[in-house]
Amino acid sequence: MTKHNDQLEQFGYIASHNLRSPVGRIIGLTSLVKMEQSLPEGVEDIINRLQESAYDLDEIISDLNTILEIRKGAQLKLEVVDVNRKLEKAKAILSESLKESHGTIETDFDAGKEVTGEKVYFESIIYNLLSNAIKYRSEERPLHISVRTKKSNGHFQIIFSDNGIGVDLDKFGGKLFSLYQRFHIHVEGKGLGLFLTKTQVESMGGTIEIKSEVNVGTTFIISFPL
């Protein structure tokens, strides 16, 4: 099994690095063509679509590299992370989206707000969960998000809940944390956020589970051994 995983990772690295160069050339060449003063009718639109596709592919390759780096098990820089500070940083980045959604965030860190882990991963995890709550909010009620911590059975938990549109776990539960899976086509996205979040949590020795009910909301429970 370990050998198989190593082969997959090796293939991923080769594919991503070998693809990066030709994709870059496509982007460069399309940019040069767009600089021409007069293009035949319809050609500019084709060039624009080609360039957009090249950018999308480049982003997918970048995502693949990020995931492979995490799965490779590179040495983590473990330090004490303040969950509240990371939440405030994510709120600042997403402030406009929160304002547009009339969102409110309730916090309860009575059980503690510090956990040992990789700082950059926690920033990504909290940002992705907050961003998801905003994206998949309900149009029937103002967005409300709850972030709290809890100690349970020798674990420190970060519990992230919202009152959004939810997801049908009976139908999609098995695919929820899979790569490039999307379940609400009316919202833009690549279906990478939850896969990346799960990968980051597990790389730090934690687990993530989801509870959700359609048109009621979703709760993510992230647990780390104390």
C-alpha atoms as a PDB file:
ATOM      1  CA  MET A   1       0.000   0.000   0.000  1.00  0.00           C
ATOM      2  CA  THR A   2       2.848   2.372   0.900  1.00  0.00           C
ATOM      3  CA  LYS A   3       4.605   1.550  -2.379  1.00  0.00           C
ATOM      4  CA  HIS A   4       1.373   2.217  -4.287  1.00  0.00           C
ATOM      5  CA  ASN A   5       0.945   5.614  -2.580  1.00  0.00           C
ATOM      6  CA  ASP A   6       4.574   6.515  -3.334  1.00  0.00           C
ATOM      7  CA  GLN A   7       4.031   5.661  -6.995  1.00  0.00           C
ATOM      8  CA  LEU A   8       0.892   7.792  -7.118  1.00  0.00           C
ATOM      9  CA  GLU A   9       2.720  10.727  -5.545  1.00  0.00           C
ATOM     10  CA  GLN A  10       5.631  10.308  -7.952  1.00  0.00           C
ATOM     11  CA  PHE A  11       3.238  10.247 -10.901  1.00  0.00           C
ATOM     12  CA  GLY A  12       1.494  13.343  -9.555  1.00  0.00           C
ATOM     13  CA  TYR A  13       4.744  15.281  -9.267  1.00  0.00           C
ATOM     14  CA  ILE A  14       5.866  14.295 -12.763  1.00  0.00           C
ATOM     15  CA  ALA A  15       2.474  15.125 -14.271  1.00  0.00           C
ATOM     16  CA  SER A  16       2.140  18.475 -12.520  1.00  0.00           C
ATOM     17  CA  HIS A  17       5.680  19.650 -13.265  1.00  0.00           C
ATOM     18  CA  ASN A  18       5.640  18.435 -16.872  1.00  0.00           C
ATOM     19  CA  LEU A  19       2.273  20.088 -17.480  1.00  0.00           C
ATOM     20  CA  ARG A  20       3.201  23.404 -15.869  1.00  0.00           C
ATOM     21  CA  SER A  21       5.619  24.402 -18.618  1.00  0.00           C
ATOM     22  CA  PRO A  22       3.350  23.873 -21.682  1.00  0.00           C
ATOM     23  CA  VAL A  23       0.435  25.521 -19.885  1.00  0.00           C
ATOM     24  CA  GLY A  24       2.636  28.547 -19.243  1.00  0.00           C
ATOM     25  CA  ARG A  25       3.560  28.651 -22.917  1.00  0.00           C
ATOM     26  CA  ILE A  26      -0.119  28.532 -23.948  1.00  0.00           C
ATOM     27  CA  ILE A  27      -0.873  31.477 -21.647  1.00  0.00           C
ATOM     28  CA  GLY A  28       2.093  33.395 -23.070  1.00  0.00           C
ATOM     29  CA  LEU A  29       1.211  32.683 -26.687  1.00  0.00           C
ATOM     30  CA  THR A  30      -2.435  33.633 -26.268  1.00  0.00           C
ATOM     31  CA  SER A  31      -1.326  36.905 -24.666  1.00  0.00           C
ATOM     32  CA  LEU A  32       0.872  37.629 -27.705  1.00  0.00           C
ATOM     33  CA  VAL A  33      -1.975  36.886 -30.122  1.00  0.00           C
ATOM     34  CA  LYS A  34      -4.298  39.227 -28.207  1.00  0.00           C
ATOM     35  CA  MET A  35      -1.787  42.039 -28.728  1.00  0.00           C
ATOM     36  CA  GLU A  36      -2.441  41.941 -32.491  1.00  0.00           C
ATOM     37  CA  GLN A  37      -4.278  45.046 -33.638  1.00  0.00           C
ATOM     38  CA  SER A  38      -6.784  43.344 -35.930  1.00  0.00           C
ATOM     39  CA  LEU A  39      -8.033  39.817 -35.476  1.00  0.00           C
ATOM     40  CA  PRO A  40     -10.611  38.062 -37.696  1.00  0.00           C
ATOM     41  CA  GLU A  41     -14.156  38.183 -36.370  1.00  0.00           C
ATOM     42  CA  GLY A  42     -14.751  35.608 -33.647  1.00  0.00           C
ATOM     43  CA  VAL A  43     -11.071  34.802 -33.176  1.00  0.00           C
ATOM     44  CA  GLU A  44     -10.608  37.105 -30.172  1.00  0.00           C
ATOM     45  CA  ASP A  45     -13.429  35.353 -28.347  1.00  0.00           C
ATOM     46  CA  ILE A  46     -11.843  31.954 -29.048  1.00  0.00           C
ATOM     47  CA  ILE A  47      -8.457  33.209 -27.825  1.00  0.00           C
ATOM     48  CA  ASN A  48     -10.048  34.540 -24.627  1.00  0.00           C
ATOM     49  CA  ARG A  49     -11.743  31.205 -23.961  1.00  0.00           C
ATOM     50  CA  LEU A  50      -8.507  29.344 -24.645  1.00  0.00           C
ATOM     51  CA  GLN A  51      -6.616  31.590 -22.246  1.00  0.00           C
ATOM     52  CA  GLU A  52      -9.259  31.176 -19.521  1.00  0.00           C
ATOM     53  CA  SER A  53      -9.039  27.387 -19.922  1.00  0.00           C
ATOM     54  CA  ALA A  54      -5.242  27.544 -19.644  1.00  0.00           C
ATOM     55  CA  TYR A  55      -5.509  29.604 -16.448  1.00  0.00           C
ATOM     56  CA  ASP A  56      -8.003  27.078 -15.032  1.00  0.00           C
ATOM     57  CA  LEU A  57      -5.657  24.204 -15.845  1.00  0.00           C
ATOM     58  CA  ASP A  58      -2.716  26.056 -14.294  1.00  0.00           C
ATOM     59  CA  GLU A  59      -4.739  26.552 -11.108  1.00  0.00           C
ATOM     60  CA  ILE A  60      -5.655  22.860 -10.980  1.00  0.00           C
ATOM     61  CA  ILE A  61      -1.972  21.909 -11.322  1.00  0.00           C
ATOM     62  CA  SER A  62      -1.142  24.331  -8.506  1.00  0.00           C
ATOM     63  CA  ASP A  63      -3.851  22.724  -6.340  1.00  0.00           C
ATOM     64  CA  LEU A  64      -2.425  19.281  -7.086  1.00  0.00           C
ATOM     65  CA  ASN A  65       1.041  20.417  -6.044  1.00  0.00           C
ATOM     66  CA  THR A  66      -0.328  21.835  -2.777  1.00  0.00           C
ATOM     67  CA  ILE A  67      -2.099  18.582  -1.914  1.00  0.00           C
ATOM     68  CA  LEU A  68       0.916  16.451  -2.849  1.00  0.00           C
ATOM     69  CA  GLU A  69       3.166  18.582  -0.635  1.00  0.00           C
ATOM     70  CA  ILE A  70       0.847  17.982   2.305  1.00  0.00           C
ATOM     71  CA  ARG A  71       0.505  14.249   1.629  1.00  0.00           C
ATOM     72  CA  LYS A  72       4.229  13.919   1.162  1.00  0.00           C
ATOM     73  CA  GLY A  73       4.456  14.487   4.902  1.00  0.00           C
ATOM     74  CA  ALA A  74       6.867  17.383   4.821  1.00  0.00           C
ATOM     75  CA  GLN A  75       8.125  18.418   8.249  1.00  0.00           C
ATOM     76  CA  LEU A  76       5.400  20.459   9.891  1.00  0.00           C
ATOM     77  CA  LYS A  77       6.278  23.561  11.845  1.00  0.00           C
ATOM     78  CA  LEU A  78       4.206  22.854  14.936  1.00  0.00           C
ATOM     79  CA  GLU A  79       3.432  25.760  17.232  1.00  0.00           C
ATOM     80  CA  VAL A  80       0.659  26.987  19.490  1.00  0.00           C
ATOM     81  CA  VAL A  81      -2.124  28.437  17.335  1.00  0.00           C
ATOM     82  CA  ASP A  82      -4.754  30.863  18.608  1.00  0.00           C
ATOM     83  CA  VAL A  83      -8.018  29.754  16.956  1.00  0.00           C
ATOM     84  CA  ASN A  84      -9.710  33.082  17.687  1.00  0.00           C
ATOM     85  CA  ARG A  85      -6.927  35.071  16.002  1.00  0.00           C
ATOM     86  CA  LYS A  86      -7.125  32.868  12.911  1.00  0.00           C
ATOM     87  CA  LEU A  87     -10.890  33.358  12.834  1.00  0.00           C
ATOM     88  CA  GLU A  88     -10.486  37.139  13.072  1.00  0.00           C
ATOM     89  CA  LYS A  89      -8.015  37.048  10.176  1.00  0.00           C
ATOM     90  CA  ALA A  90     -10.446  35.047   8.011  1.00  0.00           C
ATOM     91  CA  LYS A  91     -13.270  37.445   8.956  1.00  0.00           C
ATOM     92  CA  ALA A  92     -11.165  40.411   7.846  1.00  0.00           C
ATOM     93  CA  ILE A  93     -10.412  38.788   4.474  1.00  0.00           C
ATOM     94  CA  LEU A  94     -14.088  37.904   3.934  1.00  0.00           C
ATOM     95  CA  SER A  95     -15.518  41.079   5.496  1.00  0.00           C
ATOM     96  CA  GLU A  96     -17.233  42.282   2.313  1.00  0.00           C
ATOM     97  CA  SER A  97     -18.887  38.917   1.692  1.00  0.00           C
ATOM     98  CA  LEU A  98     -20.011  38.768   5.332  1.00  0.00           C
ATOM     99  CA  LYS A  99     -21.485  42.243   5.057  1.00  0.00           C
ATOM    100  CA  GLU A 100     -23.349  41.369   1.853  1.00  0.00           C
ATOM    101  CA  SER A 101     -24.808  38.251   3.457  1.00  0.00           C
ATOM    102  CA  HIS A 102     -25.746  40.132   6.665  1.00  0.00           C
ATOM    103  CA  GLY A 103     -23.837  37.414   8.466  1.00  0.00           C
ATOM    104  CA  THR A 104     -23.250  37.257  12.212  1.00  0.00           C
ATOM    105  CA  ILE A 105     -20.639  35.117  13.963  1.00  0.00           C
ATOM    106  CA  GLU A 106     -21.056  33.868  17.512  1.00  0.00           C
ATOM    107  CA  THR A 107     -18.016  32.477  19.338  1.00  0.00           C
ATOM    108  CA  ASP A 108     -17.489  30.480  22.509  1.00  0.00           C
ATOM    109  CA  PHE A 109     -13.894  29.636  23.433  1.00  0.00           C
ATOM    110  CA  ASP A 110     -14.516  28.837  27.111  1.00  0.00           C
ATOM    111  CA  ALA A 111     -12.979  25.389  26.557  1.00  0.00           C
ATOM    112  CA  GLY A 112      -9.820  27.018  25.235  1.00  0.00           C
ATOM    113  CA  LYS A 113      -8.700  28.736  22.076  1.00  0.00           C
ATOM    114  CA  GLU A 114      -5.176  27.380  21.661  1.00  0.00           C
ATOM    115  CA  VAL A 115      -4.182  24.212  19.841  1.00  0.00           C
ATOM    116  CA  THR A 116      -0.832  22.892  18.629  1.00  0.00           C
ATOM    117  CA  GLY A 117      -0.488  22.614  14.862  1.00  0.00           C
ATOM    118  CA  GLU A 118       0.733  24.146  11.634  1.00  0.00           C
ATOM    119  CA  LYS A 119      -0.242  27.828  11.623  1.00  0.00           C
ATOM    120  CA  VAL A 120      -0.685  28.102   7.850  1.00  0.00           C
ATOM    121  CA  TYR A 121      -2.926  25.022   7.772  1.00  0.00           C
ATOM    122  CA  PHE A 122      -5.202  26.443  10.463  1.00  0.00           C
ATOM    123  CA  GLU A 123      -5.505  29.690   8.516  1.00  0.00           C
ATOM    124  CA  SER A 124      -6.565  27.715   5.446  1.00  0.00           C
ATOM    125  CA  ILE A 125      -8.973  25.455   7.382  1.00  0.00           C
ATOM    126  CA  ILE A 126     -10.809  28.301   9.112  1.00  0.00           C
ATOM    127  CA  TYR A 127     -10.897  30.407   5.952  1.00  0.00           C
ATOM    128  CA  ASN A 128     -12.360  27.515   3.925  1.00  0.00           C
ATOM    129  CA  LEU A 129     -15.057  26.734   6.496  1.00  0.00           C
ATOM    130  CA  LEU A 130     -16.048  30.384   6.844  1.00  0.00           C
ATOM    131  CA  SER A 131     -16.039  30.864   3.079  1.00  0.00           C
ATOM    132  CA  ASN A 132     -18.215  27.742   2.641  1.00  0.00           C
ATOM    133  CA  ALA A 133     -20.749  29.016   5.172  1.00  0.00           C
ATOM    134  CA  ILE A 134     -21.033  32.284   3.251  1.00  0.00           C
ATOM    135  CA  LYS A 135     -21.284  30.590  -0.149  1.00  0.00           C
ATOM    136  CA  TYR A 136     -23.932  28.085   0.914  1.00  0.00           C
ATOM    137  CA  ARG A 137     -26.085  30.388   3.014  1.00  0.00           C
ATOM    138  CA  SER A 138     -29.850  30.303   2.803  1.00  0.00           C
ATOM    139  CA  GLU A 139     -31.732  33.110   1.074  1.00  0.00           C
ATOM    140  CA  GLU A 140     -34.609  32.558   3.512  1.00  0.00           C
ATOM    141  CA  ARG A 141     -32.819  33.863   6.638  1.00  0.00           C
ATOM    142  CA  PRO A 142     -29.819  35.943   7.688  1.00  0.00           C
ATOM    143  CA  LEU A 143     -26.590  33.962   7.875  1.00  0.00           C
ATOM    144  CA  HIS A 144     -25.590  32.911  11.398  1.00  0.00           C
ATOM    145  CA  ILE A 145     -22.317  31.133  12.132  1.00  0.00           C
ATOM    146  CA  SER A 146     -21.208  29.611  15.432  1.00  0.00           C
ATOM    147  CA  VAL A 147     -17.582  28.778  16.233  1.00  0.00           C
ATOM    148  CA  ARG A 148     -16.850  27.127  19.553  1.00  0.00           C
ATOM    149  CA  THR A 149     -14.352  24.828  21.209  1.00  0.00           C
ATOM    150  CA  LYS A 150     -14.984  21.800  23.374  1.00  0.00           C
ATOM    151  CA  LYS A 151     -12.998  19.154  25.240  1.00  0.00           C
ATOM    152  CA  SER A 152     -14.428  15.673  24.829  1.00  0.00           C
ATOM    153  CA  ASN A 153     -13.025  12.170  25.443  1.00  0.00           C
ATOM    154  CA  GLY A 154      -9.428  13.328  25.491  1.00  0.00           C
ATOM    155  CA  HIS A 155      -9.820  15.513  22.416  1.00  0.00           C
ATOM    156  CA  PHE A 156      -9.844  19.235  21.749  1.00  0.00           C
ATOM    157  CA  GLN A 157     -12.619  20.077  19.275  1.00  0.00           C
ATOM    158  CA  ILE A 158     -13.306  23.070  17.071  1.00  0.00           C
ATOM    159  CA  ILE A 159     -17.001  23.078  16.159  1.00  0.00           C
ATOM    160  CA  PHE A 160     -18.061  25.220  13.221  1.00  0.00           C
ATOM    161  CA  SER A 161     -21.839  25.515  12.566  1.00  0.00           C
ATOM    162  CA  ASP A 162     -24.019  27.515  10.193  1.00  0.00           C
ATOM    163  CA  ASN A 163     -27.715  27.847   9.344  1.00  0.00           C
ATOM    164  CA  GLY A 164     -27.249  27.524   5.595  1.00  0.00           C
ATOM    165  CA  ILE A 165     -28.854  25.352   2.938  1.00  0.00           C
ATOM    166  CA  GLY A 166     -27.172  22.183   4.218  1.00  0.00           C
ATOM    167  CA  VAL A 167     -26.360  19.074   2.224  1.00  0.00           C
ATOM    168  CA  ASP A 168     -28.079  15.706   1.824  1.00  0.00           C
ATOM    169  CA  LEU A 169     -25.623  13.376   3.579  1.00  0.00           C
ATOM    170  CA  ASP A 170     -27.584  10.245   2.609  1.00  0.00           C
ATOM    171  CA  LYS A 171     -27.025  11.164  -1.023  1.00  0.00           C
ATOM    172  CA  PHE A 172     -23.633  12.891  -0.978  1.00  0.00           C
ATOM    173  CA  GLY A 173     -22.020  11.988   2.346  1.00  0.00           C
ATOM    174  CA  GLY A 174     -19.577   9.509   0.833  1.00  0.00           C
ATOM    175  CA  LYS A 175     -18.253  12.067  -1.654  1.00  0.00           C
ATOM    176  CA  LEU A 176     -18.266  15.187   0.479  1.00  0.00           C
ATOM    177  CA  PHE A 177     -14.524  15.294   1.146  1.00  0.00           C
ATOM    178  CA  SER A 178     -13.520  14.005  -2.297  1.00  0.00           C
ATOM    179  CA  LEU A 179     -11.409  16.021  -4.726  1.00  0.00           C
ATOM    180  CA  TYR A 180     -13.286  18.360  -7.110  1.00  0.00           C
ATOM    181  CA  GLN A 181     -16.753  17.338  -5.912  1.00  0.00           C
ATOM    182  CA  ARG A 182     -19.532  19.929  -5.995  1.00  0.00           C
ATOM    183  CA  PHE A 183     -23.094  19.521  -4.747  1.00  0.00           C
ATOM    184  CA  HIS A 184     -24.638  22.958  -5.283  1.00  0.00           C
ATOM    185  CA  ILE A 185     -24.160  23.997  -8.912  1.00  0.00           C
ATOM    186  CA  HIS A 186     -25.687  27.443  -8.362  1.00  0.00           C
ATOM    187  CA  VAL A 187     -22.565  28.510  -6.444  1.00  0.00           C
ATOM    188  CA  GLU A 188     -19.193  29.073  -8.080  1.00  0.00           C
ATOM    189  CA  GLY A 189     -16.316  26.913  -6.888  1.00  0.00           C
ATOM    190  CA  LYS A 190     -13.931  24.110  -7.752  1.00  0.00           C
ATOM    191  CA  GLY A 191     -14.885  21.588  -5.094  1.00  0.00           C
ATOM    192  CA  LEU A 192     -11.419  21.652  -3.564  1.00  0.00           C
ATOM    193  CA  GLY A 193     -11.931  23.389  -0.206  1.00  0.00           C
ATOM    194  CA  LEU A 194     -13.254  20.474   1.857  1.00  0.00           C
ATOM    195  CA  PHE A 195     -10.779  18.002   0.367  1.00  0.00           C
ATOM    196  CA  LEU A 196      -7.913  20.349   1.205  1.00  0.00           C
ATOM    197  CA  THR A 197      -9.322  20.973   4.699  1.00  0.00           C
ATOM    198  CA  LYS A 198      -9.563  17.239   5.437  1.00  0.00           C
ATOM    199  CA  THR A 199      -6.031  16.663   4.114  1.00  0.00           C
ATOM    200  CA  GLN A 200      -4.634  19.445   6.310  1.00  0.00           C
ATOM    201  CA  VAL A 201      -6.506  18.310   9.427  1.00  0.00           C
ATOM    202  CA  GLU A 202      -5.381  14.689   9.021  1.00  0.00           C
ATOM    203  CA  SER A 203      -1.770  15.710   8.332  1.00  0.00           C
ATOM    204  CA  MET A 204      -1.761  17.260  11.831  1.00  0.00           C
ATOM    205  CA  GLY A 205      -3.132  14.083  13.412  1.00  0.00           C
ATOM    206  CA  GLY A 206      -6.752  15.271  13.624  1.00  0.00           C
ATOM    207  CA  THR A 207     -10.114  14.181  12.249  1.00  0.00           C
ATOM    208  CA  ILE A 208     -13.022  16.050  10.707  1.00  0.00           C
ATOM    209  CA  GLU A 209     -16.655  15.001  10.569  1.00  0.00           C
ATOM    210  CA  ILE A 210     -19.807  16.656   9.280  1.00  0.00           C
ATOM    211  CA  LYS A 211     -23.410  16.799  10.414  1.00  0.00           C
ATOM    212  CA  SER A 212     -25.900  18.438   8.090  1.00  0.00           C
ATOM    213  CA  GLU A 213     -29.587  18.749   7.372  1.00  0.00           C
ATOM    214  CA  VAL A 214     -31.042  20.171   4.194  1.00  0.00           C
ATOM    215  CA  ASN A 215     -32.365  23.720   4.684  1.00  0.00           C
ATOM    216  CA  VAL A 216     -31.358  23.677   8.369  1.00  0.00           C
ATOM    217  CA  GLY A 217     -27.581  23.968   8.381  1.00  0.00           C
ATOM    218  CA  THR A 218     -24.223  22.258   8.621  1.00  0.00           C
ATOM    219  CA  THR A 219     -21.785  21.526  11.433  1.00  0.00           C
ATOM    220  CA  PHE A 220     -18.136  20.560  11.058  1.00  0.00           C
ATOM    221  CA  ILE A 221     -16.375  18.986  14.047  1.00  0.00           C
ATOM    222  CA  ILE A 222     -12.580  19.040  13.973  1.00  0.00           C
ATOM    223  CA  SER A 223     -10.900  16.966  16.704  1.00  0.00           C
ATOM    224  CA  PHE A 224      -7.293  16.763  17.888  1.00  0.00           C
ATOM    225  CA  PRO A 225      -5.937  14.552  20.676  1.00  0.00           C
ATOM    226  CA  LEU A 226      -5.155  16.614  23.782  1.00  0.00           C
END
